[in-house]
Amino acid sequence: MFQLNEEFLKELGLDQLPEEQRKPFLQHIYSELEMRVGERLSQGMSDAQLDEFADIIDKKPNAVDNFLAKYAPNYQQDKMFQRLVQATKADPNDPRLKDEFAATKWLDELKKEIIAHRDAILGGAGASSAPQQTKGDFDLAA
């Protein structure tokens, strides 16, 4: 697994970087990766999906509750939630834990959707998954 640590700096030839610059440099790399991955993920998402995720991340009132009611009504019994409780040692009723679970669950649901529509996303491996052009469609290549 890829890790941003001393070994990473060594692989880049930056193991001689002054100690006071190491942590800020690694934080910058992490932020850059987070931004680039987020941009790539968001390219295939609808505006509604982006809004829903933003509302969950921003803890907009009712966004987490509405999402969980639809996708995980018994979220406290969910294995992923249980692992989160164990890892954080937080009270299962802690609202921060609920928020974190909702964001994680949202990404899990997105993953399922991507897998279900993989062929269409990749441009269609077969003719049946590719949309057929009709007479009313615009041909931008012409």
Protein backbone atom coordinates (compact mmCIF):
# COMPACT_ATOMS: atom_id res chain seq x y z
CA MET A 1 0.00 0.00 0.00
CA PHE A 2 1.18 3.49 -0.87
CA GLN A 3 2.17 5.45 2.24
CA LEU A 4 3.39 9.00 2.73
CA ASN A 5 6.20 8.46 5.21
CA GLU A 6 9.98 8.48 5.61
CA GLU A 7 10.31 5.61 3.10
CA PHE A 8 8.36 7.67 0.55
CA LEU A 9 10.77 10.59 1.03
CA LYS A 10 13.73 8.22 0.63
CA GLU A 11 12.32 6.83 -2.63
CA LEU A 12 12.05 10.39 -3.94
CA GLY A 13 15.62 11.14 -2.91
CA LEU A 14 14.38 13.59 -0.30
CA ASP A 15 15.55 11.73 2.78
CA GLN A 16 17.95 14.62 3.52
CA LEU A 17 15.08 17.11 3.69
CA PRO A 18 15.35 19.12 6.95
CA GLU A 19 13.12 17.74 9.69
CA GLU A 20 11.03 20.92 9.93
CA GLN A 21 10.16 20.65 6.21
CA ARG A 22 9.25 16.96 6.14
CA LYS A 23 5.80 17.11 7.71
CA PRO A 24 4.64 20.17 5.71
CA PHE A 25 5.93 18.55 2.50
CA LEU A 26 4.09 15.28 3.20
CA GLN A 27 0.92 17.22 4.08
CA HIS A 28 1.19 19.10 0.78
CA ILE A 29 1.55 15.83 -1.15
CA TYR A 30 -1.45 14.38 0.71
CA SER A 31 -3.58 17.45 -0.07
CA GLU A 32 -2.57 17.34 -3.73
CA LEU A 33 -3.43 13.65 -3.99
CA GLU A 34 -6.75 14.24 -2.25
CA MET A 35 -7.61 17.03 -4.69
CA ARG A 36 -6.59 15.06 -7.80
CA VAL A 37 -8.42 11.91 -6.73
CA GLY A 38 -11.48 13.99 -5.87
CA GLU A 39 -11.41 15.66 -9.28
CA ARG A 40 -11.19 12.30 -11.06
CA LEU A 41 -14.01 10.82 -9.01
CA SER A 42 -16.25 13.82 -9.55
CA GLN A 43 -15.85 13.76 -13.35
CA GLY A 44 -18.30 10.88 -13.70
CA MET A 45 -20.78 12.10 -11.12
CA SER A 46 -24.03 13.94 -11.72
CA ASP A 47 -24.68 17.34 -10.17
CA ALA A 48 -27.22 15.67 -7.85
CA GLN A 49 -24.57 13.19 -6.64
CA LEU A 50 -22.03 15.96 -6.09
CA ASP A 51 -24.60 18.01 -4.18
CA GLU A 52 -25.62 15.04 -2.04
CA PHE A 53 -22.01 14.25 -1.12
CA ALA A 54 -21.22 17.92 -0.45
CA ASP A 55 -24.24 18.14 1.85
CA ILE A 56 -23.07 15.06 3.76
CA ILE A 57 -19.50 16.31 4.07
CA ASP A 58 -20.67 19.81 5.06
CA LYS A 59 -23.05 18.26 7.63
CA LYS A 60 -26.01 20.13 6.15
CA PRO A 61 -29.06 19.63 8.40
CA ASN A 62 -30.92 16.41 7.58
CA ALA A 63 -28.51 15.39 4.78
CA VAL A 64 -26.92 12.59 6.80
CA ASP A 65 -30.24 11.43 8.25
CA ASN A 66 -31.94 11.44 4.82
CA PHE A 67 -29.08 9.50 3.24
CA LEU A 68 -28.95 6.93 6.04
CA ALA A 69 -32.74 6.50 6.02
CA LYS A 70 -32.51 5.52 2.36
CA TYR A 71 -29.30 3.45 2.27
CA ALA A 72 -28.69 2.25 5.84
CA PRO A 73 -31.77 2.63 8.05
CA ASN A 74 -30.23 0.29 10.65
CA TYR A 75 -26.76 1.78 10.30
CA GLN A 76 -25.72 1.00 13.88
CA GLN A 77 -25.95 -2.72 13.04
CA ASP A 78 -23.93 -2.29 9.81
CA LYS A 79 -20.54 -4.09 9.93
CA MET A 80 -18.78 -1.01 8.58
CA PHE A 81 -20.27 1.13 11.36
CA GLN A 82 -19.26 -1.46 13.96
CA ARG A 83 -15.67 -1.43 12.66
CA LEU A 84 -15.68 2.37 12.83
CA VAL A 85 -16.86 2.24 16.45
CA GLN A 86 -14.11 -0.26 17.31
CA ALA A 87 -11.40 1.70 15.49
CA THR A 88 -12.32 5.04 17.06
CA LYS A 89 -13.46 3.71 20.44
CA ALA A 90 -16.18 6.37 20.23
CA ASP A 91 -19.68 6.12 21.62
CA PRO A 92 -21.96 4.68 18.90
CA ASN A 93 -24.32 7.63 19.49
CA ASP A 94 -21.61 10.21 18.78
CA PRO A 95 -22.94 12.34 15.88
CA ARG A 96 -19.40 12.67 14.46
CA LEU A 97 -19.29 8.90 14.07
CA LYS A 98 -22.64 8.95 12.29
CA ASP A 99 -21.36 11.69 9.94
CA GLU A 100 -18.17 9.75 9.19
CA PHE A 101 -20.13 6.58 8.54
CA ALA A 102 -22.51 8.39 6.17
CA ALA A 103 -19.61 9.78 4.11
CA THR A 104 -17.97 6.35 3.98
CA LYS A 105 -21.25 4.65 3.11
CA TRP A 106 -21.90 7.23 0.38
CA LEU A 107 -18.54 6.38 -1.21
CA ASP A 108 -19.35 2.68 -0.88
CA GLU A 109 -22.66 3.22 -2.70
CA LEU A 110 -20.84 5.16 -5.41
CA LYS A 111 -18.40 2.28 -5.78
CA LYS A 112 -21.30 -0.15 -6.26
CA GLU A 113 -22.81 2.12 -8.89
CA ILE A 114 -19.50 2.40 -10.75
CA ILE A 115 -19.06 -1.38 -10.73
CA ALA A 116 -22.63 -1.88 -11.96
CA HIS A 117 -22.05 0.53 -14.87
CA ARG A 118 -18.40 -0.30 -15.56
CA ASP A 119 -18.86 -1.10 -19.27
CA ALA A 120 -20.71 2.12 -19.98
CA ILE A 121 -18.14 4.14 -18.04
CA LEU A 122 -15.27 2.57 -19.97
CA GLY A 123 -16.93 3.31 -23.27
CA GLY A 124 -18.81 0.05 -23.60
CA ALA A 125 -17.05 -3.23 -24.11
CA GLY A 126 -19.90 -4.42 -26.26
CA ALA A 127 -22.25 -2.73 -28.69
CA SER A 128 -25.23 -3.39 -26.42
CA SER A 129 -23.94 -1.11 -23.65
CA ALA A 130 -23.03 1.79 -25.95
CA PRO A 131 -25.78 4.27 -26.74
CA GLN A 132 -26.96 4.11 -30.34
CA GLN A 133 -26.97 7.32 -32.34
CA THR A 134 -30.35 8.24 -33.73
CA LYS A 135 -31.30 10.63 -36.48
CA GLY A 136 -32.08 13.35 -33.91
CA ASP A 137 -28.64 13.20 -32.27
CA PHE A 138 -25.96 15.70 -33.20
CA ASP A 139 -22.86 14.27 -34.87
CA LEU A 140 -20.04 16.43 -33.49
CA ALA A 141 -17.42 14.65 -35.56
CA ALA A 142 -18.98 15.79 -38.86
